[in-house]
């Protein structure tokens, strides 16, 4: 088990819009009057968004461009995975259904897990302690070596201080949303400074299913469709 974005943290970061009754948005709208309520503000945003063109073309002066400057643009979104690396659509749908069920179960029992007593060696850092959280999640050994290797199987008597504490529900349930967001940012920055995983040369690599699961949930459950594979 590894530290990955918790669904509650992602959900907390999503904007929550207030409901707006269906009507003619421009009726009685005066752009010179500042919004006085959240509903009026959201209405203004909707009207301004509707007035924006679908395609905006930037006017660029060719003289200001560097001669050797080049930009690669993919017109079809992310490049598809090589044959054999991408899971089937049926597999992705099964993972989304299972994740949804687990998420609902966790939400129902969050208070129970929060009340569970932690082991004596578990000392959670303060929210602003970035280095402390890196060592807590990844372990002092990994942070000192600075390399990301394959996950090792847990065994009785294992030294979690050295290899990092897993994201147990008894631990995550004690973290508020602000702390979860901060910890995810700390880990994202740490992995961004290093290779999350070397280039995979085999479809049988044990890390392929884990990476596919992350991409599947982000794209299909949290609706980031630009990352999803097109069904064949």
Protein backbone atom coordinates (compact mmCIF):
# COMPACT_ATOMS: atom_id res chain seq x y z
CA UNK A 1 0.00 0.00 0.00
CA UNK A 2 1.42 3.41 -0.96
CA UNK A 3 0.53 7.03 -0.35
CA UNK A 4 -1.74 8.06 -3.25
CA UNK A 5 -4.30 10.90 -3.51
CA UNK A 6 -7.20 10.11 -1.18
CA UNK A 7 -10.59 10.53 -2.78
CA UNK A 8 -11.72 12.86 0.01
CA UNK A 9 -8.75 15.12 -0.62
CA UNK A 10 -9.45 15.30 -4.35
CA UNK A 11 -13.13 15.92 -3.68
CA UNK A 12 -12.30 18.74 -1.26
CA UNK A 13 -10.22 20.46 -3.90
CA UNK A 14 -13.07 20.43 -6.43
CA UNK A 15 -15.18 23.63 -6.60
CA UNK A 16 -18.66 23.31 -5.16
CA UNK A 17 -21.10 25.50 -7.03
CA UNK A 18 -24.42 26.57 -5.58
CA UNK A 19 -27.53 25.42 -7.49
CA UNK A 20 -29.00 27.93 -9.93
CA UNK A 21 -32.61 27.72 -11.02
CA UNK A 22 -33.02 27.20 -14.79
CA UNK A 23 -33.89 30.53 -16.37
CA UNK A 24 -32.73 33.11 -18.87
CA UNK A 25 -29.36 34.04 -17.37
CA UNK A 26 -29.23 37.44 -19.07
CA UNK A 27 -32.68 38.51 -17.89
CA UNK A 28 -32.29 41.53 -15.61
CA UNK A 29 -28.48 41.27 -15.74
CA UNK A 30 -26.62 44.57 -15.34
CA UNK A 31 -22.82 44.14 -15.71
CA UNK A 32 -22.21 47.54 -14.11
CA UNK A 33 -23.62 46.38 -10.75
CA UNK A 34 -21.25 44.24 -8.66
CA UNK A 35 -22.69 40.93 -7.36
CA UNK A 36 -24.20 41.14 -3.90
CA UNK A 37 -24.82 37.44 -3.19
CA UNK A 38 -23.10 34.14 -4.07
CA UNK A 39 -25.96 33.36 -6.46
CA UNK A 40 -25.45 36.63 -8.33
CA UNK A 41 -21.72 35.99 -8.54
CA UNK A 42 -22.22 32.50 -10.00
CA UNK A 43 -24.77 33.90 -12.43
CA UNK A 44 -22.24 36.48 -13.61
CA UNK A 45 -19.61 33.76 -14.09
CA UNK A 46 -22.06 31.66 -16.13
CA UNK A 47 -22.99 34.60 -18.36
CA UNK A 48 -19.37 35.58 -18.96
CA UNK A 49 -18.43 31.96 -19.70
CA UNK A 50 -21.28 31.65 -22.19
CA UNK A 51 -20.07 34.77 -24.00
CA UNK A 52 -16.54 33.40 -24.45
CA UNK A 53 -15.80 31.93 -27.90
CA UNK A 54 -15.21 28.19 -28.14
CA UNK A 55 -11.83 28.77 -29.83
CA UNK A 56 -9.45 31.59 -29.06
CA UNK A 57 -6.63 32.33 -31.51
CA UNK A 58 -3.62 34.14 -30.12
CA UNK A 59 -2.05 36.87 -32.24
CA UNK A 60 1.67 36.13 -32.22
CA UNK A 61 4.32 38.29 -33.82
CA UNK A 62 6.62 35.89 -35.75
CA UNK A 63 9.52 38.30 -35.27
CA UNK A 64 9.41 37.75 -31.51
CA UNK A 65 9.75 33.98 -31.79
CA UNK A 66 13.15 32.38 -31.45
CA UNK A 67 14.34 30.77 -34.66
CA UNK A 68 15.02 27.37 -33.07
CA UNK A 69 11.97 27.40 -30.86
CA UNK A 70 9.58 24.52 -31.49
CA UNK A 71 6.49 23.21 -29.74
CA UNK A 72 5.11 19.69 -30.09
CA UNK A 73 1.32 19.66 -29.93
CA UNK A 74 -0.74 16.49 -29.67
CA UNK A 75 -4.12 16.93 -31.31
CA UNK A 76 -5.52 13.75 -29.83
CA UNK A 77 -4.63 14.26 -26.16
CA UNK A 78 -2.26 11.87 -24.39
CA UNK A 79 -0.34 9.37 -26.47
CA UNK A 80 -1.84 5.88 -26.19
CA UNK A 81 0.06 3.27 -24.22
CA UNK A 82 2.01 0.65 -26.18
CA UNK A 83 0.13 -2.50 -27.03
CA UNK A 84 -0.24 -4.76 -24.01
CA UNK A 85 0.36 -2.05 -21.41
CA UNK A 86 -3.12 -0.58 -21.33
CA UNK A 87 -5.86 -2.51 -19.45
CA UNK A 88 -9.17 -3.43 -21.05
CA UNK A 89 -12.22 -1.21 -20.71
CA UNK A 90 -13.93 -3.96 -18.70
CA UNK A 91 -11.03 -3.99 -16.21
CA UNK A 92 -11.23 -0.21 -15.86
CA UNK A 93 -14.98 -0.31 -15.23
CA UNK A 94 -14.51 -2.98 -12.55
CA UNK A 95 -11.87 -0.89 -10.77
CA UNK A 96 -14.12 2.19 -10.80
CA UNK A 97 -17.03 0.20 -9.34
CA UNK A 98 -14.85 -1.31 -6.61
CA UNK A 99 -13.29 2.06 -5.77
CA UNK A 100 -16.74 3.64 -5.47
CA UNK A 101 -17.88 0.91 -3.07
CA UNK A 102 -14.73 1.21 -0.94
CA UNK A 103 -15.05 4.99 -0.86
CA UNK A 104 -18.62 4.85 0.42
CA UNK A 105 -17.65 2.26 3.03
CA UNK A 106 -14.76 4.42 4.27
CA UNK A 107 -17.00 7.48 4.57
CA UNK A 108 -19.52 5.50 6.62
CA UNK A 109 -16.88 4.25 9.05
CA UNK A 110 -14.55 7.27 9.17
CA UNK A 111 -15.43 8.10 12.79
CA UNK A 112 -14.70 4.49 13.80
CA UNK A 113 -11.23 4.47 12.26
CA UNK A 114 -10.48 7.89 13.71
CA UNK A 115 -11.14 6.56 17.21
CA UNK A 116 -8.69 3.66 16.85
CA UNK A 117 -5.60 3.93 19.03
CA UNK A 118 -2.32 4.36 17.21
CA UNK A 119 0.81 2.39 18.02
CA UNK A 120 3.32 4.05 20.31
CA UNK A 121 5.82 4.53 17.47
CA UNK A 122 3.38 6.57 15.35
CA UNK A 123 4.06 10.27 15.77
CA UNK A 124 2.33 12.34 13.10
CA UNK A 125 4.17 15.55 12.09
CA UNK A 126 2.57 18.97 12.11
CA UNK A 127 0.81 20.04 8.93
CA UNK A 128 3.53 22.53 7.91
CA UNK A 129 6.43 20.12 8.54
CA UNK A 130 7.22 19.11 4.94
CA UNK A 131 10.41 17.15 5.68
CA UNK A 132 8.71 15.43 8.60
CA UNK A 133 5.85 14.23 6.40
CA UNK A 134 8.21 12.98 3.71
CA UNK A 135 10.04 10.83 6.25
CA UNK A 136 6.77 9.72 7.85
CA UNK A 137 5.24 8.56 4.53
CA UNK A 138 8.31 7.40 2.64
CA UNK A 139 10.65 6.41 5.46
CA UNK A 140 13.97 7.79 6.54
CA UNK A 141 15.84 5.24 4.42
CA UNK A 142 14.19 6.24 1.15
CA UNK A 143 14.46 9.96 1.85
CA UNK A 144 18.17 9.65 2.56
CA UNK A 145 18.83 7.54 -0.54
CA UNK A 146 16.59 9.66 -2.76
CA UNK A 147 15.66 6.79 -5.08
CA UNK A 148 12.28 5.25 -5.77
CA UNK A 149 12.33 1.47 -5.86
CA UNK A 150 9.70 -1.26 -5.99
CA UNK A 151 7.52 -1.67 -2.92
CA UNK A 152 8.60 -4.33 -0.45
CA UNK A 153 6.26 -6.73 1.26
CA UNK A 154 5.42 -5.89 4.86
CA UNK A 155 6.35 -8.38 7.57
CA UNK A 156 5.91 -8.61 11.37
CA UNK A 157 8.35 -6.45 13.29
CA UNK A 158 9.07 -4.23 10.30
CA UNK A 159 10.65 -0.84 11.04
CA UNK A 160 8.11 1.65 9.68
CA UNK A 161 10.28 4.59 10.73
CA UNK A 162 12.85 3.40 8.19
CA UNK A 163 10.50 2.41 5.35
CA UNK A 164 7.57 4.74 6.03
CA UNK A 165 4.12 4.30 7.51
CA UNK A 166 1.44 3.07 5.06
CA UNK A 167 -1.69 5.25 4.65
CA UNK A 168 -3.74 3.29 7.16
CA UNK A 169 -7.30 4.46 7.76
CA UNK A 170 -6.47 4.95 11.42
CA UNK A 171 -3.85 7.50 10.33
CA UNK A 172 -5.60 9.19 7.38
CA UNK A 173 -8.86 9.58 9.32
CA UNK A 174 -7.04 11.77 11.85
CA UNK A 175 -5.91 14.19 9.13
CA UNK A 176 -8.17 17.10 8.19
CA UNK A 177 -8.59 18.09 4.56
CA UNK A 178 -6.03 20.91 4.74
CA UNK A 179 -3.39 18.51 6.09
CA UNK A 180 -4.21 15.88 3.45
CA UNK A 181 -3.85 18.46 0.67
CA UNK A 182 -0.52 19.65 2.09
CA UNK A 183 0.87 16.12 2.42
CA UNK A 184 -0.16 15.24 -1.13
CA UNK A 185 1.61 18.37 -2.36
CA UNK A 186 4.75 17.47 -0.39
CA UNK A 187 4.82 13.98 -1.90
CA UNK A 188 4.04 15.27 -5.40
CA UNK A 189 6.97 17.68 -5.19
CA UNK A 190 9.26 14.93 -3.91
CA UNK A 191 8.35 12.53 -6.70
CA UNK A 192 8.54 15.36 -9.25
CA UNK A 193 12.18 15.94 -8.34
CA UNK A 194 12.95 12.27 -8.96
CA UNK A 195 11.88 9.55 -11.35
CA UNK A 196 8.65 8.04 -10.05
CA UNK A 197 9.57 4.91 -11.93
CA UNK A 198 12.12 4.16 -14.66
CA UNK A 199 10.94 3.53 -18.20
CA UNK A 200 9.03 0.23 -18.21
CA UNK A 201 10.48 -2.24 -20.67
CA UNK A 202 8.08 -5.09 -19.99
CA UNK A 203 4.28 -5.31 -19.87
CA UNK A 204 4.75 -7.84 -17.05
CA UNK A 205 6.47 -5.31 -14.78
CA UNK A 206 4.82 -5.40 -11.34
CA UNK A 207 4.44 -1.60 -11.34
CA UNK A 208 2.29 -1.47 -14.48
CA UNK A 209 -1.03 -2.45 -12.77
CA UNK A 210 -0.49 0.14 -10.02
CA UNK A 211 0.14 2.94 -12.50
CA UNK A 212 -2.81 1.83 -14.63
CA UNK A 213 -5.06 1.87 -11.56
CA UNK A 214 -4.10 5.46 -10.73
CA UNK A 215 -4.68 6.63 -14.30
CA UNK A 216 -7.97 4.71 -14.49
CA UNK A 217 -9.42 6.24 -11.30
CA UNK A 218 -8.29 9.78 -12.07
CA UNK A 219 -9.61 9.67 -15.62
CA UNK A 220 -12.83 7.66 -15.28
CA UNK A 221 -13.94 8.19 -11.66
CA UNK A 222 -12.82 11.80 -11.23
CA UNK A 223 -13.73 12.62 -14.84
CA UNK A 224 -10.32 13.66 -16.19
CA UNK A 225 -11.27 12.24 -19.57
CA UNK A 226 -8.19 13.52 -21.38
CA UNK A 227 -6.19 10.79 -19.60
CA UNK A 228 -8.57 7.95 -20.47
CA UNK A 229 -7.83 5.39 -23.16
CA UNK A 230 -10.29 5.24 -26.00
CA UNK A 231 -12.25 1.95 -25.97
CA UNK A 232 -11.29 -0.32 -28.81
